[in-house]
Amino acid sequence: LQGGRTLLIGGGIGIPPMLELAKELSGIGRLDGVSHPALSVTS
């Protein structure tokens, strides 16, 4: 999990694994306890 402007790219059945990543990068439910989410999350 890294900050800054993040771009998530998913194709076909490769889309589902990106959903939890989008959630945690946006600052919701992060496992590592970091309180500063990515500056932006674009999928």
PDB file of all heavy atoms in Angstrom:
ATOM      1  N   LEU A   1       0.844  -1.190   0.000  1.00  0.00           N
ATOM      2  CA  LEU A   1       0.000   0.000   0.000  1.00  0.00           C
ATOM      3  C   LEU A   1       0.881   1.243   0.000  1.00  0.00           C
ATOM      4  O   LEU A   1       1.685   1.443   0.915  1.00  0.00           O
ATOM      5  CB  LEU A   1      -0.919   0.008   1.214  1.00  0.00           C
ATOM      6  CG  LEU A   1      -1.850  -1.200   1.363  1.00  0.00           C
ATOM      7  CD1 LEU A   1      -2.749  -1.025   2.578  1.00  0.00           C
ATOM      8  CD2 LEU A   1      -2.689  -1.406   0.109  1.00  0.00           C
ATOM      9  N   GLN A   2       0.742   2.069  -1.019  1.00  0.00           N
ATOM     10  CA  GLN A   2       1.564   3.263  -1.154  1.00  0.00           C
ATOM     11  C   GLN A   2       0.682   4.477  -1.416  1.00  0.00           C
ATOM     12  O   GLN A   2      -0.399   4.361  -1.975  1.00  0.00           O
ATOM     13  CB  GLN A   2       2.580   3.079  -2.285  1.00  0.00           C
ATOM     14  CG  GLN A   2       3.535   1.922  -2.040  1.00  0.00           C
ATOM     15  CD  GLN A   2       4.601   1.797  -3.106  1.00  0.00           C
ATOM     16  OE1 GLN A   2       4.604   2.527  -4.089  1.00  0.00           O
ATOM     17  NE2 GLN A   2       5.514   0.861  -2.907  1.00  0.00           N
ATOM     18  N   GLY A   3       1.184   5.629  -1.000  1.00  0.00           N
ATOM     19  CA  GLY A   3       0.425   6.861  -1.155  1.00  0.00           C
ATOM     20  C   GLY A   3       0.598   7.472  -2.532  1.00  0.00           C
ATOM     21  O   GLY A   3       1.067   6.836  -3.470  1.00  0.00           O
ATOM     22  N   GLY A   4       0.217   8.741  -2.633  1.00  0.00           N
ATOM     23  CA  GLY A   4       0.285   9.426  -3.915  1.00  0.00           C
ATOM     24  C   GLY A   4      -0.938   9.169  -4.772  1.00  0.00           C
ATOM     25  O   GLY A   4      -1.967   8.677  -4.305  1.00  0.00           O
ATOM     26  N   ARG A   5      -0.820   9.477  -6.050  1.00  0.00           N
ATOM     27  CA  ARG A   5      -1.907   9.221  -6.997  1.00  0.00           C
ATOM     28  C   ARG A   5      -1.792   7.773  -7.467  1.00  0.00           C
ATOM     29  O   ARG A   5      -0.774   7.379  -8.037  1.00  0.00           O
ATOM     30  CB  ARG A   5      -1.803  10.168  -8.179  1.00  0.00           C
ATOM     31  CG  ARG A   5      -1.909  11.658  -7.836  1.00  0.00           C
ATOM     32  CD  ARG A   5      -1.457  12.501  -9.009  1.00  0.00           C
ATOM     33  NE  ARG A   5      -0.073  12.207  -9.360  1.00  0.00           N
ATOM     34  CZ  ARG A   5       0.488  12.525 -10.524  1.00  0.00           C
ATOM     35  NH1 ARG A   5      -0.230  13.134 -11.463  1.00  0.00           N
ATOM     36  NH2 ARG A   5       1.750  12.222 -10.765  1.00  0.00           N
ATOM     37  N   THR A   6      -2.828   6.997  -7.224  1.00  0.00           N
ATOM     38  CA  THR A   6      -2.778   5.579  -7.569  1.00  0.00           C
ATOM     39  C   THR A   6      -3.752   5.275  -8.694  1.00  0.00           C
ATOM     40  O   THR A   6      -4.870   5.794  -8.748  1.00  0.00           O
ATOM     41  CB  THR A   6      -3.125   4.700  -6.357  1.00  0.00           C
ATOM     42  OG1 THR A   6      -4.434   5.013  -5.882  1.00  0.00           O
ATOM     43  CG2 THR A   6      -2.125   4.919  -5.235  1.00  0.00           C
ATOM     44  N   LEU A   7      -3.293   4.405  -9.590  1.00  0.00           N
ATOM     45  CA  LEU A   7      -4.099   3.973 -10.728  1.00  0.00           C
ATOM     46  C   LEU A   7      -4.249   2.464 -10.637  1.00  0.00           C
ATOM     47  O   LEU A   7      -3.266   1.729 -10.683  1.00  0.00           O
ATOM     48  CB  LEU A   7      -3.419   4.373 -12.034  1.00  0.00           C
ATOM     49  CG  LEU A   7      -4.178   4.111 -13.343  1.00  0.00           C
ATOM     50  CD1 LEU A   7      -5.507   4.856 -13.360  1.00  0.00           C
ATOM     51  CD2 LEU A   7      -3.320   4.535 -14.538  1.00  0.00           C
ATOM     52  N   LEU A   8      -5.492   1.995 -10.484  1.00  0.00           N
ATOM     53  CA  LEU A   8      -5.796   0.574 -10.392  1.00  0.00           C
ATOM     54  C   LEU A   8      -6.354   0.116 -11.726  1.00  0.00           C
ATOM     55  O   LEU A   8      -7.296   0.727 -12.259  1.00  0.00           O
ATOM     56  CB  LEU A   8      -6.832   0.304  -9.289  1.00  0.00           C
ATOM     57  CG  LEU A   8      -6.340   0.231  -7.848  1.00  0.00           C
ATOM     58  CD1 LEU A   8      -5.621   1.510  -7.429  1.00  0.00           C
ATOM     59  CD2 LEU A   8      -7.496  -0.059  -6.902  1.00  0.00           C
ATOM     60  N   ILE A   9      -5.774  -0.954 -12.275  1.00  0.00           N
ATOM     61  CA  ILE A   9      -6.176  -1.428 -13.592  1.00  0.00           C
ATOM     62  C   ILE A   9      -6.556  -2.900 -13.487  1.00  0.00           C
ATOM     63  O   ILE A   9      -5.733  -3.733 -13.080  1.00  0.00           O
ATOM     64  CB  ILE A   9      -5.035  -1.252 -14.617  1.00  0.00           C
ATOM     65  CG1 ILE A   9      -4.571   0.210 -14.645  1.00  0.00           C
ATOM     66  CG2 ILE A   9      -5.488  -1.694 -16.000  1.00  0.00           C
ATOM     67  CD1 ILE A   9      -3.329   0.441 -15.490  1.00  0.00           C
ATOM     68  N   GLY A  10      -7.784  -3.220 -13.831  1.00  0.00           N
ATOM     69  CA  GLY A  10      -8.255  -4.598 -13.775  1.00  0.00           C
ATOM     70  C   GLY A  10      -8.906  -4.999 -15.076  1.00  0.00           C
ATOM     71  O   GLY A  10      -9.611  -4.197 -15.708  1.00  0.00           O
ATOM     72  N   GLY A  11      -8.688  -6.251 -15.478  1.00  0.00           N
ATOM     73  CA  GLY A  11      -9.298  -6.755 -16.700  1.00  0.00           C
ATOM     74  C   GLY A  11      -9.972  -8.084 -16.472  1.00  0.00           C
ATOM     75  O   GLY A  11      -9.367  -9.009 -15.916  1.00  0.00           O
ATOM     76  N   GLY A  12     -11.253  -8.198 -16.854  1.00  0.00           N
ATOM     77  CA  GLY A  12     -11.979  -9.458 -16.723  1.00  0.00           C
ATOM     78  C   GLY A  12     -12.035  -9.944 -15.296  1.00  0.00           C
ATOM     79  O   GLY A  12     -12.349  -9.184 -14.374  1.00  0.00           O
ATOM     80  N   ILE A  13     -11.707 -11.217 -15.077  1.00  0.00           N
ATOM     81  CA  ILE A  13     -11.765 -11.774 -13.733  1.00  0.00           C
ATOM     82  C   ILE A  13     -10.585 -11.289 -12.891  1.00  0.00           C
ATOM     83  O   ILE A  13     -10.474 -11.621 -11.704  1.00  0.00           O
ATOM     84  CB  ILE A  13     -11.824 -13.318 -13.793  1.00  0.00           C
ATOM     85  CG1 ILE A  13     -12.520 -13.874 -12.543  1.00  0.00           C
ATOM     86  CG2 ILE A  13     -10.458 -13.910 -14.037  1.00  0.00           C
ATOM     87  CD1 ILE A  13     -13.955 -13.436 -12.372  1.00  0.00           C
ATOM     88  N   GLY A  14      -9.716 -10.457 -13.487  1.00  0.00           N
ATOM     89  CA  GLY A  14      -8.687  -9.764 -12.720  1.00  0.00           C
ATOM     90  C   GLY A  14      -9.200  -8.506 -12.048  1.00  0.00           C
ATOM     91  O   GLY A  14      -8.453  -7.836 -11.322  1.00  0.00           O
ATOM     92  N   ILE A  15     -10.460  -8.184 -12.249  1.00  0.00           N
ATOM     93  CA  ILE A  15     -11.058  -7.013 -11.605  1.00  0.00           C
ATOM     94  C   ILE A  15     -11.321  -7.241 -10.112  1.00  0.00           C
ATOM     95  O   ILE A  15     -11.001  -6.373  -9.287  1.00  0.00           O
ATOM     96  CB  ILE A  15     -12.354  -6.601 -12.340  1.00  0.00           C
ATOM     97  CG1 ILE A  15     -12.011  -6.037 -13.723  1.00  0.00           C
ATOM     98  CG2 ILE A  15     -13.168  -5.592 -11.534  1.00  0.00           C
ATOM     99  CD1 ILE A  15     -13.214  -5.804 -14.618  1.00  0.00           C
ATOM    100  N   PRO A  16     -11.905  -8.364  -9.684  1.00  0.00           N
ATOM    101  CA  PRO A  16     -12.235  -8.551  -8.266  1.00  0.00           C
ATOM    102  C   PRO A  16     -11.085  -8.325  -7.292  1.00  0.00           C
ATOM    103  O   PRO A  16     -11.298  -7.689  -6.236  1.00  0.00           O
ATOM    104  CB  PRO A  16     -12.752  -9.995  -8.219  1.00  0.00           C
ATOM    105  CG  PRO A  16     -13.342 -10.208  -9.567  1.00  0.00           C
ATOM    106  CD  PRO A  16     -12.431  -9.475 -10.505  1.00  0.00           C
ATOM    107  N   PRO A  17      -9.850  -8.788  -7.559  1.00  0.00           N
ATOM    108  CA  PRO A  17      -8.783  -8.569  -6.575  1.00  0.00           C
ATOM    109  C   PRO A  17      -8.467  -7.102  -6.313  1.00  0.00           C
ATOM    110  O   PRO A  17      -7.827  -6.772  -5.306  1.00  0.00           O
ATOM    111  CB  PRO A  17      -7.571  -9.270  -7.214  1.00  0.00           C
ATOM    112  CG  PRO A  17      -8.132 -10.218  -8.201  1.00  0.00           C
ATOM    113  CD  PRO A  17      -9.385  -9.592  -8.700  1.00  0.00           C
ATOM    114  N   MET A  18      -8.903  -6.213  -7.218  1.00  0.00           N
ATOM    115  CA  MET A  18      -8.584  -4.799  -7.066  1.00  0.00           C
ATOM    116  C   MET A  18      -9.543  -4.074  -6.132  1.00  0.00           C
ATOM    117  O   MET A  18      -9.270  -2.955  -5.691  1.00  0.00           O
ATOM    118  CB  MET A  18      -8.612  -4.106  -8.442  1.00  0.00           C
ATOM    119  CG  MET A  18      -7.829  -4.807  -9.544  1.00  0.00           C
ATOM    120  SD  MET A  18      -6.118  -5.127  -9.109  1.00  0.00           S
ATOM    121  CE  MET A  18      -5.445  -3.481  -9.120  1.00  0.00           C
ATOM    122  N   LEU A  19     -10.679  -4.693  -5.792  1.00  0.00           N
ATOM    123  CA  LEU A  19     -11.693  -3.988  -5.009  1.00  0.00           C
ATOM    124  C   LEU A  19     -11.222  -3.732  -3.576  1.00  0.00           C
ATOM    125  O   LEU A  19     -11.364  -2.613  -3.065  1.00  0.00           O
ATOM    126  CB  LEU A  19     -13.004  -4.778  -5.011  1.00  0.00           C
ATOM    127  CG  LEU A  19     -14.177  -4.084  -4.312  1.00  0.00           C
ATOM    128  CD1 LEU A  19     -14.477  -2.735  -4.954  1.00  0.00           C
ATOM    129  CD2 LEU A  19     -15.425  -4.970  -4.347  1.00  0.00           C
ATOM    130  N   GLU A  20     -10.680  -4.748  -2.917  1.00  0.00           N
ATOM    131  CA  GLU A  20     -10.168  -4.531  -1.553  1.00  0.00           C
ATOM    132  C   GLU A  20      -9.015  -3.543  -1.570  1.00  0.00           C
ATOM    133  O   GLU A  20      -8.860  -2.734  -0.651  1.00  0.00           O
ATOM    134  CB  GLU A  20      -9.727  -5.856  -0.933  1.00  0.00           C
ATOM    135  CG  GLU A  20      -9.184  -5.743   0.480  1.00  0.00           C
ATOM    136  CD  GLU A  20     -10.211  -5.276   1.503  1.00  0.00           C
ATOM    137  OE1 GLU A  20     -11.432  -5.412   1.255  1.00  0.00           O
ATOM    138  OE2 GLU A  20      -9.788  -4.777   2.570  1.00  0.00           O
ATOM    139  N   LEU A  21      -8.208  -3.581  -2.610  1.00  0.00           N
ATOM    140  CA  LEU A  21      -7.110  -2.629  -2.736  1.00  0.00           C
ATOM    141  C   LEU A  21      -7.649  -1.206  -2.836  1.00  0.00           C
ATOM    142  O   LEU A  21      -7.141  -0.290  -2.177  1.00  0.00           O
ATOM    143  CB  LEU A  21      -6.261  -2.967  -3.958  1.00  0.00           C
ATOM    144  CG  LEU A  21      -5.066  -2.055  -4.237  1.00  0.00           C
ATOM    145  CD1 LEU A  21      -4.069  -2.083  -3.091  1.00  0.00           C
ATOM    146  CD2 LEU A  21      -4.398  -2.444  -5.557  1.00  0.00           C
ATOM    147  N   ALA A  22      -8.676  -1.006  -3.660  1.00  0.00           N
ATOM    148  CA  ALA A  22      -9.288   0.328  -3.785  1.00  0.00           C
ATOM    149  C   ALA A  22      -9.818   0.801  -2.440  1.00  0.00           C
ATOM    150  O   ALA A  22      -9.645   1.969  -2.063  1.00  0.00           O
ATOM    151  CB  ALA A  22     -10.412   0.283  -4.821  1.00  0.00           C
ATOM    152  N   LYS A  23     -10.434  -0.102  -1.712  1.00  0.00           N
ATOM    153  CA  LYS A  23     -11.003   0.246  -0.405  1.00  0.00           C
ATOM    154  C   LYS A  23      -9.912   0.667   0.570  1.00  0.00           C
ATOM    155  O   LYS A  23     -10.034   1.693   1.254  1.00  0.00           O
ATOM    156  CB  LYS A  23     -11.791  -0.942   0.145  1.00  0.00           C
ATOM    157  CG  LYS A  23     -12.447  -0.675   1.494  1.00  0.00           C
ATOM    158  CD  LYS A  23     -13.415  -1.766   1.872  1.00  0.00           C
ATOM    159  CE  LYS A  23     -12.723  -3.074   2.143  1.00  0.00           C
ATOM    160  NZ  LYS A  23     -13.670  -4.119   2.650  1.00  0.00           N
ATOM    161  N   GLU A  24      -8.840  -0.099   0.631  1.00  0.00           N
ATOM    162  CA  GLU A  24      -7.798   0.193   1.607  1.00  0.00           C
ATOM    163  C   GLU A  24      -6.955   1.403   1.215  1.00  0.00           C
ATOM    164  O   GLU A  24      -6.528   2.179   2.070  1.00  0.00           O
ATOM    165  CB  GLU A  24      -6.939  -1.047   1.842  1.00  0.00           C
ATOM    166  CG  GLU A  24      -7.743  -2.192   2.437  1.00  0.00           C
ATOM    167  CD  GLU A  24      -6.893  -3.249   3.109  1.00  0.00           C
ATOM    168  OE1 GLU A  24      -5.731  -2.955   3.451  1.00  0.00           O
ATOM    169  OE2 GLU A  24      -7.402  -4.373   3.297  1.00  0.00           O
ATOM    170  N   LEU A  25      -6.729   1.600  -0.076  1.00  0.00           N
ATOM    171  CA  LEU A  25      -6.007   2.788  -0.514  1.00  0.00           C
ATOM    172  C   LEU A  25      -6.805   4.059  -0.239  1.00  0.00           C
ATOM    173  O   LEU A  25      -6.230   5.128  -0.037  1.00  0.00           O
ATOM    174  CB  LEU A  25      -5.671   2.699  -2.000  1.00  0.00           C
ATOM    175  CG  LEU A  25      -4.532   1.752  -2.383  1.00  0.00           C
ATOM    176  CD1 LEU A  25      -4.471   1.601  -3.900  1.00  0.00           C
ATOM    177  CD2 LEU A  25      -3.197   2.228  -1.833  1.00  0.00           C
ATOM    178  N   SER A  26      -8.128   3.937  -0.238  1.00  0.00           N
ATOM    179  CA  SER A  26      -8.968   5.104   0.040  1.00  0.00           C
ATOM    180  C   SER A  26      -9.044   5.398   1.536  1.00  0.00           C
ATOM    181  O   SER A  26      -9.669   6.370   1.950  1.00  0.00           O
ATOM    182  CB  SER A  26     -10.377   4.893  -0.523  1.00  0.00           C
ATOM    183  OG  SER A  26     -11.057   3.878   0.198  1.00  0.00           O
ATOM    184  N   GLY A  27      -8.386   4.557   2.353  1.00  0.00           N
ATOM    185  CA  GLY A  27      -8.318   4.806   3.785  1.00  0.00           C
ATOM    186  C   GLY A  27      -9.345   4.074   4.602  1.00  0.00           C
ATOM    187  O   GLY A  27      -9.467   4.288   5.809  1.00  0.00           O
ATOM    188  N   ILE A  28     -10.101   3.163   3.985  1.00  0.00           N
ATOM    189  CA  ILE A  28     -11.158   2.437   4.687  1.00  0.00           C
ATOM    190  C   ILE A  28     -10.660   1.039   5.040  1.00  0.00           C
ATOM    191  O   ILE A  28     -10.327   0.245   4.165  1.00  0.00           O
ATOM    192  CB  ILE A  28     -12.423   2.345   3.827  1.00  0.00           C
ATOM    193  CG1 ILE A  28     -12.931   3.747   3.497  1.00  0.00           C
ATOM    194  CG2 ILE A  28     -13.514   1.536   4.528  1.00  0.00           C
ATOM    195  CD1 ILE A  28     -14.089   3.775   2.527  1.00  0.00           C
ATOM    196  N   GLY A  29     -10.623   0.723   6.337  1.00  0.00           N
ATOM    197  CA  GLY A  29     -10.317  -0.630   6.779  1.00  0.00           C
ATOM    198  C   GLY A  29      -8.909  -1.094   6.518  1.00  0.00           C
ATOM    199  O   GLY A  29      -8.675  -2.273   6.283  1.00  0.00           O
ATOM    200  N   ARG A  30      -7.924  -0.194   6.579  1.00  0.00           N
ATOM    201  CA  ARG A  30      -6.562  -0.579   6.244  1.00  0.00           C
ATOM    202  C   ARG A  30      -5.974  -1.510   7.291  1.00  0.00           C
ATOM    203  O   ARG A  30      -6.079  -1.266   8.490  1.00  0.00           O
ATOM    204  CB  ARG A  30      -5.678   0.647   6.078  1.00  0.00           C
ATOM    205  CG  ARG A  30      -5.984   1.405   4.796  1.00  0.00           C
ATOM    206  CD  ARG A  30      -4.997   2.509   4.540  1.00  0.00           C
ATOM    207  NE  ARG A  30      -3.644   1.976   4.364  1.00  0.00           N
ATOM    208  CZ  ARG A  30      -2.719   2.595   3.627  1.00  0.00           C
ATOM    209  NH1 ARG A  30      -3.010   3.712   2.988  1.00  0.00           N
ATOM    210  NH2 ARG A  30      -1.506   2.097   3.522  1.00  0.00           N
ATOM    211  N   LEU A  31      -5.327  -2.567   6.816  1.00  0.00           N
ATOM    212  CA  LEU A  31      -4.729  -3.558   7.701  1.00  0.00           C
ATOM    213  C   LEU A  31      -3.515  -3.012   8.438  1.00  0.00           C
ATOM    214  O   LEU A  31      -3.282  -3.338   9.598  1.00  0.00           O
ATOM    215  CB  LEU A  31      -4.317  -4.794   6.887  1.00  0.00           C
ATOM    216  CG  LEU A  31      -3.589  -5.917   7.627  1.00  0.00           C
ATOM    217  CD1 LEU A  31      -4.493  -6.510   8.706  1.00  0.00           C
ATOM    218  CD2 LEU A  31      -3.157  -7.006   6.663  1.00  0.00           C
ATOM    219  N   ASP A  32      -2.732  -2.144   7.780  1.00  0.00           N
ATOM    220  CA  ASP A  32      -1.476  -1.705   8.390  1.00  0.00           C
ATOM    221  C   ASP A  32      -1.646  -0.546   9.363  1.00  0.00           C
ATOM    222  O   ASP A  32      -0.684  -0.090   9.973  1.00  0.00           O
ATOM    223  CB  ASP A  32      -0.453  -1.327   7.307  1.00  0.00           C
ATOM    224  CG  ASP A  32      -0.932  -0.199   6.409  1.00  0.00           C
ATOM    225  OD1 ASP A  32      -1.978   0.396   6.714  1.00  0.00           O
ATOM    226  OD2 ASP A  32      -0.264   0.092   5.405  1.00  0.00           O
ATOM    227  N   GLY A  33      -2.881  -0.063   9.513  1.00  0.00           N
ATOM    228  CA  GLY A  33      -3.147   0.980  10.490  1.00  0.00           C
ATOM    229  C   GLY A  33      -2.692   2.367  10.072  1.00  0.00           C
ATOM    230  O   GLY A  33      -2.796   3.313  10.835  1.00  0.00           O
ATOM    231  N   VAL A  34      -2.188   2.525   8.854  1.00  0.00           N
ATOM    232  CA  VAL A  34      -1.747   3.831   8.382  1.00  0.00           C
ATOM    233  C   VAL A  34      -2.962   4.728   8.186  1.00  0.00           C
ATOM    234  O   VAL A  34      -3.933   4.345   7.548  1.00  0.00           O
ATOM    235  CB  VAL A  34      -0.951   3.706   7.067  1.00  0.00           C
ATOM    236  CG1 VAL A  34      -0.601   5.083   6.523  1.00  0.00           C
ATOM    237  CG2 VAL A  34       0.308   2.890   7.306  1.00  0.00           C
ATOM    238  N   SER A  35      -2.899   5.932   8.740  1.00  0.00           N
ATOM    239  CA  SER A  35      -4.066   6.809   8.698  1.00  0.00           C
ATOM    240  C   SER A  35      -4.081   7.721   7.482  1.00  0.00           C
ATOM    241  O   SER A  35      -5.028   8.473   7.292  1.00  0.00           O
ATOM    242  CB  SER A  35      -4.115   7.670   9.975  1.00  0.00           C
ATOM    243  OG  SER A  35      -2.938   8.444  10.098  1.00  0.00           O
ATOM    244  N   HIS A  36      -3.013   7.697   6.659  1.00  0.00           N
ATOM    245  CA  HIS A  36      -2.945   8.584   5.505  1.00  0.00           C
ATOM    246  C   HIS A  36      -3.182   7.776   4.234  1.00  0.00           C
ATOM    247  O   HIS A  36      -2.300   7.063   3.762  1.00  0.00           O
ATOM    248  CB  HIS A  36      -1.582   9.272   5.443  1.00  0.00           C
ATOM    249  CG  HIS A  36      -1.257  10.042   6.680  1.00  0.00           C
ATOM    250  ND1 HIS A  36      -1.897  11.212   7.008  1.00  0.00           N
ATOM    251  CD2 HIS A  36      -0.380   9.799   7.680  1.00  0.00           C
ATOM    252  CE1 HIS A  36      -1.419  11.660   8.153  1.00  0.00           C
ATOM    253  NE2 HIS A  36      -0.501  10.826   8.579  1.00  0.00           N
ATOM    254  N   PRO A  37      -4.361   7.868   3.658  1.00  0.00           N
ATOM    255  CA  PRO A  37      -4.641   7.122   2.426  1.00  0.00           C
ATOM    256  C   PRO A  37      -3.946   7.741   1.229  1.00  0.00           C
ATOM    257  O   PRO A  37      -3.308   8.788   1.335  1.00  0.00           O
ATOM    258  CB  PRO A  37      -6.169   7.244   2.299  1.00  0.00           C
ATOM    259  CG  PRO A  37      -6.487   8.556   2.970  1.00  0.00           C
ATOM    260  CD  PRO A  37      -5.512   8.675   4.101  1.00  0.00           C
ATOM    261  N   ALA A  38      -4.068   7.079   0.091  1.00  0.00           N
ATOM    262  CA  ALA A  38      -3.528   7.629  -1.147  1.00  0.00           C
ATOM    263  C   ALA A  38      -4.183   8.971  -1.453  1.00  0.00           C
ATOM    264  O   ALA A  38      -5.321   9.233  -1.061  1.00  0.00           O
ATOM    265  CB  ALA A  38      -3.772   6.649  -2.284  1.00  0.00           C
ATOM    266  N   LEU A  39      -3.462   9.833  -2.154  1.00  0.00           N
ATOM    267  CA  LEU A  39      -4.014  11.138  -2.509  1.00  0.00           C
ATOM    268  C   LEU A  39      -5.240  10.992  -3.394  1.00  0.00           C
ATOM    269  O   LEU A  39      -6.194  11.765  -3.287  1.00  0.00           O
ATOM    270  CB  LEU A  39      -2.948  11.968  -3.228  1.00  0.00           C
ATOM    271  CG  LEU A  39      -1.765  12.434  -2.386  1.00  0.00           C
ATOM    272  CD1 LEU A  39      -0.752  13.166  -3.264  1.00  0.00           C
ATOM    273  CD2 LEU A  39      -2.220  13.333  -1.241  1.00  0.00           C
ATOM    274  N   SER A  40      -5.202  10.010  -4.288  1.00  0.00           N
ATOM    275  CA  SER A  40      -6.350   9.748  -5.152  1.00  0.00           C
ATOM    276  C   SER A  40      -6.324   8.287  -5.576  1.00  0.00           C
ATOM    277  O   SER A  40      -5.259   7.681  -5.676  1.00  0.00           O
ATOM    278  CB  SER A  40      -6.347  10.657  -6.383  1.00  0.00           C
ATOM    279  OG  SER A  40      -5.228  10.368  -7.205  1.00  0.00           O
ATOM    280  N   VAL A  41      -7.501   7.742  -5.802  1.00  0.00           N
ATOM    281  CA  VAL A  41      -7.641   6.357  -6.268  1.00  0.00           C
ATOM    282  C   VAL A  41      -8.490   6.385  -7.530  1.00  0.00           C
ATOM    283  O   VAL A  41      -9.671   6.748  -7.494  1.00  0.00           O
ATOM    284  CB  VAL A  41      -8.302   5.459  -5.210  1.00  0.00           C
ATOM    285  CG1 VAL A  41      -8.442   4.037  -5.743  1.00  0.00           C
ATOM    286  CG2 VAL A  41      -7.494   5.465  -3.915  1.00  0.00           C
ATOM    287  N   THR A  42      -7.887   6.022  -8.645  1.00  0.00           N
ATOM    288  CA  THR A  42      -8.584   5.969  -9.921  1.00  0.00           C
ATOM    289  C   THR A  42      -8.519   4.546 -10.443  1.00  0.00           C
ATOM    290  O   THR A  42      -7.455   3.925 -10.427  1.00  0.00           O
ATOM    291  CB  THR A  42      -7.941   6.918 -10.947  1.00  0.00           C
ATOM    292  OG1 THR A  42      -7.985   8.252 -10.441  1.00  0.00           O
ATOM    293  CG2 THR A  42      -8.676   6.857 -12.282  1.00  0.00           C
ATOM    294  N   SER A  43      -9.657   4.030 -10.896  1.00  0.00           N
ATOM    295  CA  SER A  43      -9.709   2.661 -11.407  1.00  0.00           C
ATOM    296  C   SER A  43     -10.053   2.660 -12.887  1.00  0.00           C
ATOM    297  O   SER A  43     -10.937   3.409 -13.331  1.00  0.00           O
ATOM    298  CB  SER A  43     -10.753   1.833 -10.642  1.00  0.00           C
ATOM    299  OG  SER A  43     -10.435   1.761  -9.267  1.00  0.00           O
TER     300      SER A  43
END
